[in-house]
């Protein structure tokens, strides 16, 4: 675990709110099948951990935007 992690955070699936920061942590453990290479790692196992932090977008919608494409304004040019 990384220092500063909140208690009980593992396994939580919450995308957060607009403007919130989110961290994704992935851990992969690889067991070497080749005995020679495995001797360079404790127990013949290598654990790799990667993490990324991003901020959720803050998106504000106007009333008409939620229904899909906005309608084009009616033409103001009069035809003769």
Protein backbone atom coordinates (compact mmCIF):
# COMPACT_ATOMS: atom_id res chain seq x y z
CA UNK A 1 0.00 0.00 0.00
CA UNK A 2 1.02 3.58 -0.55
CA UNK A 3 1.36 5.94 2.36
CA UNK A 4 -1.53 8.33 2.75
CA UNK A 5 -4.21 5.94 1.47
CA UNK A 6 -7.59 6.32 3.21
CA UNK A 7 -8.83 3.40 5.29
CA UNK A 8 -10.97 0.92 3.37
CA UNK A 9 -10.27 2.42 -0.04
CA UNK A 10 -9.37 -0.86 -1.74
CA UNK A 11 -12.17 -2.32 -3.82
CA UNK A 12 -14.24 0.86 -3.74
CA UNK A 13 -15.86 1.65 -7.07
CA UNK A 14 -16.78 5.32 -7.01
CA UNK A 15 -16.08 7.67 -9.90
CA UNK A 16 -16.48 10.71 -7.65
CA UNK A 17 -18.00 14.06 -8.42
CA UNK A 18 -17.09 16.74 -10.98
CA UNK A 19 -13.76 18.30 -10.00
CA UNK A 20 -12.78 15.43 -7.68
CA UNK A 21 -9.39 13.78 -7.99
CA UNK A 22 -9.30 10.05 -8.61
CA UNK A 23 -6.37 7.67 -8.29
CA UNK A 24 -6.25 4.29 -10.00
CA UNK A 25 -3.73 1.75 -8.69
CA UNK A 26 -2.94 -1.51 -10.47
CA UNK A 27 -0.72 -4.28 -9.12
CA UNK A 28 0.50 -7.28 -11.10
CA UNK A 29 2.51 -10.20 -9.73
CA UNK A 30 4.53 -12.28 -12.17
CA UNK A 31 6.06 -15.66 -11.29
CA UNK A 32 9.07 -16.54 -13.45
CA UNK A 33 9.00 -19.94 -15.11
CA UNK A 34 12.69 -19.78 -15.99
CA UNK A 35 14.67 -20.79 -12.89
CA UNK A 36 17.78 -18.82 -13.90
CA UNK A 37 15.95 -15.47 -14.20
CA UNK A 38 13.83 -16.21 -11.14
CA UNK A 39 16.94 -16.35 -8.94
CA UNK A 40 17.36 -12.58 -9.39
CA UNK A 41 14.01 -11.94 -7.67
CA UNK A 42 12.99 -12.86 -4.11
CA UNK A 43 10.95 -16.07 -4.29
CA UNK A 44 11.15 -15.98 -8.10
CA UNK A 45 8.37 -13.40 -8.14
CA UNK A 46 8.28 -9.82 -9.45
CA UNK A 47 5.51 -7.44 -8.38
CA UNK A 48 4.87 -4.33 -10.44
CA UNK A 49 2.60 -1.51 -9.30
CA UNK A 50 1.45 1.45 -11.39
CA UNK A 51 -0.74 4.37 -10.43
CA UNK A 52 -2.32 7.33 -12.15
CA UNK A 53 -4.18 10.34 -10.78
CA UNK A 54 -6.65 12.39 -12.76
CA UNK A 55 -9.28 15.04 -12.11
CA UNK A 56 -12.89 14.54 -13.16
CA UNK A 57 -14.17 17.07 -15.67
CA UNK A 58 -16.47 19.82 -14.57
CA UNK A 59 -19.19 19.96 -17.19
CA UNK A 60 -22.12 22.32 -17.09
CA UNK A 61 -25.06 21.79 -19.39
CA UNK A 62 -27.63 24.25 -20.58
CA UNK A 63 -31.24 23.14 -20.43
CA UNK A 64 -31.52 22.20 -24.12
CA UNK A 65 -28.15 20.40 -24.30
CA UNK A 66 -29.31 17.36 -22.38
CA UNK A 67 -31.78 16.33 -25.08
CA UNK A 68 -29.10 15.93 -27.71
CA UNK A 69 -28.14 18.35 -30.44
CA UNK A 70 -29.43 21.84 -30.08
CA UNK A 71 -31.72 23.08 -32.82
CA UNK A 72 -30.37 25.65 -35.22
CA UNK A 73 -31.98 29.08 -34.80
CA UNK A 74 -34.71 29.87 -37.29
CA UNK A 75 -33.61 31.97 -40.23
CA UNK A 76 -34.40 35.66 -39.87
CA UNK A 77 -34.17 36.35 -43.61
CA UNK A 78 -37.54 36.96 -45.27
CA UNK A 79 -38.19 35.55 -48.71
CA UNK A 80 -39.90 37.68 -51.32
